[in-house]
Amino acid sequence: MNKYKDYLIEFSKIYKRLMELEICLKNKIYDSIITTYPDTFYEKIEPFFIQENICKKHYKKKTNELLDILNNPTYSKKEKFKEALDLLYLSDILKLLVEEETYYTDKKLTDLLYETKPQDFNYLKYCKGFLCLLRNNIAHYNYKDYEKKRKKYIKALVYFETHIGCSLKKLHELPKLSHKPSVNEILKAIYQIEPALFAKKDSPELTKVNKDRYLCDLYDDLAIINGWNYNELPSHWTILRSKYSFKRKLKIKLSEYSIKKGVKKFLSEKQLPLFTSPNS
């Protein structure tokens, strides 16, 4: 029971990130292949869908949900593509990404698919295996294997998030902090990454409530990327309560941070936007 409590929050946070990665991957795969092959996109993707090891996962009694979609005469090719893609599991999506030649040899497609293109696709394939194991360990609460390979699992997740461009994509930019960093150290690190979260003015994208949620998400991931458990660092309540005294101490000039369109104004060209939706 103690292990259950120890990993409940951490597993829930990571599983949420895995879900966000899956959604982002499906959207980007769909958009990139249709844009690259507007006339032949379905012919490019259908052979993957009808592979035996993909199809067999979708049998229910005497029918196959995936084949029903592909053989539906009322669906257009785009509808078949979208519906079938949405049905695939994360492991299948990752298989498509790293094992189908088109997705790592076609420059136009990879330019659209990746926020920052991997320099070594073999390493991407290597990380794919750890990502599948991570998902299974969390789903089945296999904390023993997770404890042994935790660093490799998190590194693989961050690697995919960074290159695909989803979730908290600035994870690779978070600084390495000292053991059990103080509240002010955490806030200072977050402020350096995303000063808009400390701004006084709100926007439709960044309301007061959303700012606090994003701040807590960054805080959680700051703990994870530095190799600590969530319960080793101060609580969210402590972080949010300390946020206001931190702003006074640093004498932040909030007027400098007028928010117009999300936080794009505050990001350099080399930085990845934090609040980009998977569809953008």
Protein backbone atom coordinates (compact mmCIF):
# COMPACT_ATOMS: atom_id res chain seq x y z
CA MET A 1 0.00 0.00 0.00
CA ASN A 2 2.86 2.39 0.72
CA LYS A 3 4.28 1.88 -2.76
CA TYR A 4 0.83 2.52 -4.21
CA LYS A 5 0.67 5.87 -2.45
CA ASP A 6 4.26 6.72 -3.33
CA TYR A 7 3.71 6.34 -7.08
CA LEU A 8 0.06 7.32 -7.47
CA ILE A 9 0.68 11.01 -8.26
CA GLU A 10 3.84 10.43 -10.26
CA PHE A 11 2.26 7.75 -12.43
CA SER A 12 -0.84 9.86 -13.04
CA LYS A 13 1.29 12.82 -14.15
CA ILE A 14 3.41 10.74 -16.50
CA TYR A 15 0.42 8.90 -17.95
CA LYS A 16 -1.20 12.24 -18.73
CA ARG A 17 1.93 13.23 -20.61
CA LEU A 18 1.88 9.94 -22.52
CA MET A 19 -1.73 10.63 -23.54
CA GLU A 20 -0.83 14.13 -24.68
CA LEU A 21 2.08 12.72 -26.68
CA GLU A 22 -0.20 10.16 -28.34
CA ILE A 23 -2.77 12.80 -29.33
CA CYS A 24 -0.04 15.10 -30.62
CA LEU A 25 1.56 12.31 -32.65
CA LYS A 26 -1.73 11.32 -34.28
CA ASN A 27 -2.54 14.90 -35.24
CA LYS A 28 0.91 15.59 -36.65
CA ILE A 29 1.09 12.30 -38.56
CA TYR A 30 -2.30 12.99 -40.13
CA ASP A 31 -1.47 16.57 -41.10
CA SER A 32 2.05 15.84 -42.34
CA ILE A 33 1.20 12.91 -44.62
CA ILE A 34 -1.86 14.63 -46.15
CA THR A 35 0.16 17.78 -46.80
CA THR A 36 3.09 15.85 -48.26
CA TYR A 37 1.01 13.43 -50.36
CA PRO A 38 -2.30 15.20 -51.05
CA ASP A 39 -3.30 12.82 -53.85
CA THR A 40 -1.83 9.52 -52.65
CA PHE A 41 -1.89 9.80 -48.83
CA TYR A 42 -4.31 6.89 -48.40
CA GLU A 43 -2.27 4.57 -50.60
CA LYS A 44 0.75 5.47 -48.48
CA ILE A 45 -0.88 4.68 -45.13
CA GLU A 46 -3.28 1.80 -45.89
CA PRO A 47 -0.58 -0.94 -46.06
CA PHE A 48 0.36 -0.13 -42.48
CA PHE A 49 -3.23 -0.35 -41.25
CA ILE A 50 -3.83 -3.78 -42.77
CA GLN A 51 -0.71 -5.42 -41.32
CA GLU A 52 -1.70 -8.57 -39.47
CA ASN A 53 -0.03 -7.55 -36.20
CA ILE A 54 -1.96 -4.26 -36.28
CA CYS A 55 -5.35 -5.67 -37.33
CA LYS A 56 -5.43 -8.53 -34.82
CA LYS A 57 -5.54 -6.07 -31.91
CA HIS A 58 -8.95 -4.82 -33.00
CA TYR A 59 -10.99 -8.01 -33.23
CA LYS A 60 -14.16 -7.98 -31.12
CA LYS A 61 -16.15 -11.21 -31.31
CA LYS A 62 -16.80 -11.71 -35.03
CA THR A 63 -15.93 -8.23 -36.25
CA ASN A 64 -12.84 -6.09 -36.59
CA GLU A 65 -13.28 -2.42 -35.76
CA LEU A 66 -10.26 -1.29 -37.77
CA LEU A 67 -11.22 -3.22 -40.92
CA ASP A 68 -14.81 -2.01 -40.57
CA ILE A 69 -13.52 1.55 -40.83
CA LEU A 70 -11.25 0.85 -43.80
CA ASN A 71 -14.01 -1.01 -45.67
CA ASN A 72 -16.79 1.45 -44.94
CA PRO A 73 -18.06 2.67 -48.35
CA THR A 74 -19.64 5.79 -46.86
CA TYR A 75 -16.30 7.13 -45.59
CA SER A 76 -14.03 9.30 -47.69
CA LYS A 77 -10.34 8.45 -47.77
CA LYS A 78 -9.59 11.24 -45.31
CA GLU A 79 -12.28 9.97 -42.94
CA LYS A 80 -10.92 6.42 -43.14
CA PHE A 81 -7.42 7.70 -42.46
CA LYS A 82 -8.49 9.82 -39.48
CA GLU A 83 -10.79 7.23 -37.90
CA ALA A 84 -8.27 4.40 -38.31
CA LEU A 85 -5.41 6.51 -36.99
CA ASP A 86 -7.39 7.51 -33.90
CA LEU A 87 -8.08 3.85 -33.20
CA LEU A 88 -4.41 2.83 -33.04
CA TYR A 89 -2.59 2.27 -29.77
CA LEU A 90 0.45 4.30 -28.76
CA SER A 91 2.74 1.34 -29.52
CA ASP A 92 1.36 1.20 -33.08
CA ILE A 93 1.81 4.93 -33.59
CA LEU A 94 5.42 4.69 -32.43
CA LYS A 95 5.97 1.71 -34.72
CA LEU A 96 4.66 3.74 -37.67
CA LEU A 97 6.93 6.60 -36.74
CA VAL A 98 10.21 4.73 -36.39
CA GLU A 99 9.83 1.63 -38.59
CA GLU A 100 8.07 2.92 -41.71
CA GLU A 101 10.78 4.29 -44.02
CA THR A 102 8.74 7.26 -45.27
CA TYR A 103 8.61 8.76 -41.80
CA TYR A 104 12.35 9.17 -41.47
CA THR A 105 13.55 9.51 -45.09
CA ASP A 106 11.11 11.98 -46.65
CA LYS A 107 12.51 15.43 -45.83
CA LYS A 108 9.31 17.35 -46.52
CA LEU A 109 7.29 15.03 -44.30
CA THR A 110 9.81 15.01 -41.45
CA ASP A 111 10.07 18.79 -41.58
CA LEU A 112 6.33 18.95 -40.93
CA LEU A 113 6.24 16.14 -38.41
CA TYR A 114 9.02 17.21 -36.07
CA GLU A 115 9.37 20.44 -34.12
CA THR A 116 13.10 19.75 -33.97
CA LYS A 117 14.23 16.90 -36.24
CA PRO A 118 16.20 14.13 -34.49
CA GLN A 119 19.80 13.84 -35.63
CA ASP A 120 19.84 10.11 -34.94
CA PHE A 121 16.71 8.17 -35.89
CA ASN A 122 18.24 4.98 -34.51
CA TYR A 123 18.20 6.60 -31.08
CA LEU A 124 14.56 7.56 -31.63
CA LYS A 125 13.85 3.89 -32.32
CA TYR A 126 15.77 2.96 -29.18
CA CYS A 127 13.66 5.36 -27.09
CA LYS A 128 10.46 3.93 -28.59
CA GLY A 129 11.02 0.66 -26.76
CA PHE A 130 11.37 2.38 -23.40
CA LEU A 131 8.29 4.49 -24.07
CA CYS A 132 6.16 1.40 -24.69
CA LEU A 133 7.49 -0.24 -21.53
CA LEU A 134 6.83 2.94 -19.55
CA ARG A 135 3.21 3.01 -20.67
CA ASN A 136 2.72 -0.66 -19.77
CA ASN A 137 4.40 -0.32 -16.38
CA ILE A 138 2.16 2.59 -15.42
CA ALA A 139 -0.99 0.94 -16.77
CA HIS A 140 -0.27 -2.24 -14.78
CA TYR A 141 1.30 -0.45 -11.81
CA ASN A 142 4.61 -2.27 -12.20
CA TYR A 143 6.56 0.06 -9.92
CA LYS A 144 9.39 -2.44 -9.43
CA ASP A 145 10.49 -2.28 -13.07
CA TYR A 146 9.80 1.47 -13.10
CA GLU A 147 12.15 1.99 -10.16
CA LYS A 148 14.95 0.12 -11.92
CA LYS A 149 14.68 1.94 -15.25
CA ARG A 150 13.14 5.24 -14.18
CA LYS A 151 15.88 7.47 -15.61
CA LYS A 152 15.78 5.74 -19.01
CA TYR A 153 11.97 5.91 -19.14
CA ILE A 154 11.83 9.62 -18.34
CA LYS A 155 14.67 10.40 -20.74
CA ALA A 156 12.82 8.59 -23.55
CA LEU A 157 9.59 10.49 -22.80
CA VAL A 158 11.34 13.85 -22.73
CA TYR A 159 13.17 13.02 -25.97
CA PHE A 160 9.93 12.33 -27.84
CA GLU A 161 8.14 15.34 -26.32
CA THR A 162 10.98 17.64 -27.29
CA HIS A 163 11.31 16.50 -30.91
CA ILE A 164 7.62 16.05 -31.67
CA GLY A 165 6.77 19.35 -30.01
CA CYS A 166 4.01 18.69 -27.50
CA SER A 167 3.16 18.96 -23.81
CA LEU A 168 5.76 20.85 -21.77
CA LYS A 169 8.24 20.92 -24.60
CA LYS A 170 10.78 23.12 -22.85
CA LEU A 171 11.81 20.28 -20.58
CA HIS A 172 15.21 20.03 -22.24
CA GLU A 173 15.81 23.68 -21.29
CA LEU A 174 15.10 23.29 -17.59
CA PRO A 175 18.30 23.85 -15.60
CA LYS A 176 19.82 21.20 -13.38
CA LEU A 177 19.21 22.21 -9.77
CA SER A 178 20.80 21.19 -6.50
CA HIS A 179 19.44 18.34 -4.41
CA LYS A 180 15.97 19.18 -3.07
CA PRO A 181 15.97 22.76 -4.39
CA SER A 182 14.25 25.40 -2.33
CA VAL A 183 10.97 27.02 -3.31
CA ASN A 184 12.78 30.14 -4.51
CA GLU A 185 15.17 28.08 -6.63
CA ILE A 186 12.25 26.36 -8.32
CA LEU A 187 10.39 29.62 -8.89
CA LYS A 188 13.51 31.31 -10.24
CA ALA A 189 14.05 28.45 -12.70
CA ILE A 190 10.43 28.60 -13.88
CA TYR A 191 10.57 32.39 -14.15
CA GLN A 192 13.67 32.16 -16.37
CA ILE A 193 11.84 29.74 -18.66
CA GLU A 194 8.38 31.32 -18.72
CA PRO A 195 8.10 34.85 -17.23
CA ALA A 196 4.56 35.16 -18.64
CA LEU A 197 3.33 32.90 -15.84
CA PHE A 198 4.18 35.69 -13.39
CA ALA A 199 2.57 38.48 -15.41
CA LYS A 200 -0.27 40.51 -13.95
CA LYS A 201 -2.42 40.70 -17.07
CA ASP A 202 -4.40 37.73 -18.30
CA SER A 203 -5.45 36.60 -21.75
CA PRO A 204 -7.93 34.00 -23.07
CA GLU A 205 -5.04 31.54 -23.24
CA LEU A 206 -3.55 32.45 -19.88
CA THR A 207 -6.09 33.20 -17.18
CA LYS A 208 -5.12 33.39 -13.54
CA VAL A 209 -6.28 29.81 -12.95
CA ASN A 210 -4.47 28.47 -16.02
CA LYS A 211 -1.26 30.24 -15.04
CA ASP A 212 -1.28 28.50 -11.68
CA ARG A 213 -1.96 25.14 -13.32
CA TYR A 214 0.84 25.60 -15.84
CA LEU A 215 3.14 26.74 -13.05
CA CYS A 216 2.38 23.57 -11.10
CA ASP A 217 2.92 21.43 -14.19
CA LEU A 218 6.31 23.01 -14.77
CA TYR A 219 7.13 22.52 -11.11
CA ASP A 220 6.22 18.82 -11.28
CA ASP A 221 8.28 18.29 -14.41
CA LEU A 222 11.17 20.22 -12.93
CA ALA A 223 11.23 17.64 -10.15
CA ILE A 224 11.06 14.72 -12.58
CA ILE A 225 13.75 15.91 -14.98
CA ASN A 226 16.11 16.44 -12.06
CA GLY A 227 15.55 12.88 -10.93
CA TRP A 228 13.48 13.49 -7.82
CA ASN A 229 10.08 12.18 -6.75
CA TYR A 230 7.18 14.60 -6.50
CA ASN A 231 6.96 14.23 -2.72
CA GLU A 232 10.59 15.30 -2.30
CA LEU A 233 9.82 18.87 -3.31
CA PRO A 234 7.52 21.51 -1.76
CA SER A 235 3.78 21.18 -2.32
CA HIS A 236 1.85 23.04 -5.00
CA TRP A 237 0.22 25.12 -2.31
CA THR A 238 3.64 26.22 -1.06
CA ILE A 239 4.75 27.07 -4.59
CA LEU A 240 1.67 29.18 -5.35
CA ARG A 241 1.72 30.90 -1.98
CA SER A 242 5.39 31.72 -2.42
CA LYS A 243 4.89 32.95 -5.97
CA TYR A 244 3.70 36.38 -4.83
CA SER A 245 6.49 37.01 -2.33
CA PHE A 246 8.95 35.86 -5.00
CA LYS A 247 7.62 38.48 -7.43
CA ARG A 248 8.06 41.21 -4.81
CA LYS A 249 11.61 40.14 -3.98
CA LEU A 250 12.74 40.19 -7.58
CA LYS A 251 10.86 43.45 -8.22
CA ILE A 252 9.43 42.11 -11.43
CA LYS A 253 8.16 44.87 -13.72
CA LEU A 254 4.91 43.28 -14.77
CA SER A 255 4.14 46.05 -17.23
CA GLU A 256 6.89 44.68 -19.47
CA TYR A 257 4.91 41.51 -20.03
CA SER A 258 1.79 42.48 -21.92
CA ILE A 259 0.21 39.30 -23.23
CA LYS A 260 -1.35 39.40 -26.68
CA LYS A 261 -1.07 35.97 -28.23
CA GLY A 262 -0.25 33.36 -25.66
CA VAL A 263 3.39 33.71 -24.67
CA LYS A 264 5.00 33.90 -28.10
CA LYS A 265 6.28 37.40 -27.42
CA PHE A 266 8.52 36.11 -24.69
CA LEU A 267 10.11 33.25 -26.62
CA SER A 268 13.25 33.49 -28.69
CA GLU A 269 13.33 31.86 -32.12
CA LYS A 270 15.24 28.92 -30.67
CA GLN A 271 12.74 28.28 -27.90
CA LEU A 272 9.80 25.96 -28.30
CA PRO A 273 6.40 27.52 -27.46
CA LEU A 274 5.03 26.12 -24.25
CA PHE A 275 1.30 26.53 -24.84
CA THR A 276 1.01 25.31 -28.41
CA SER A 277 -1.93 23.00 -28.87
CA PRO A 278 -1.39 19.61 -30.57
CA ASN A 279 -3.39 20.84 -33.57
CA SER A 280 -1.27 23.89 -34.25
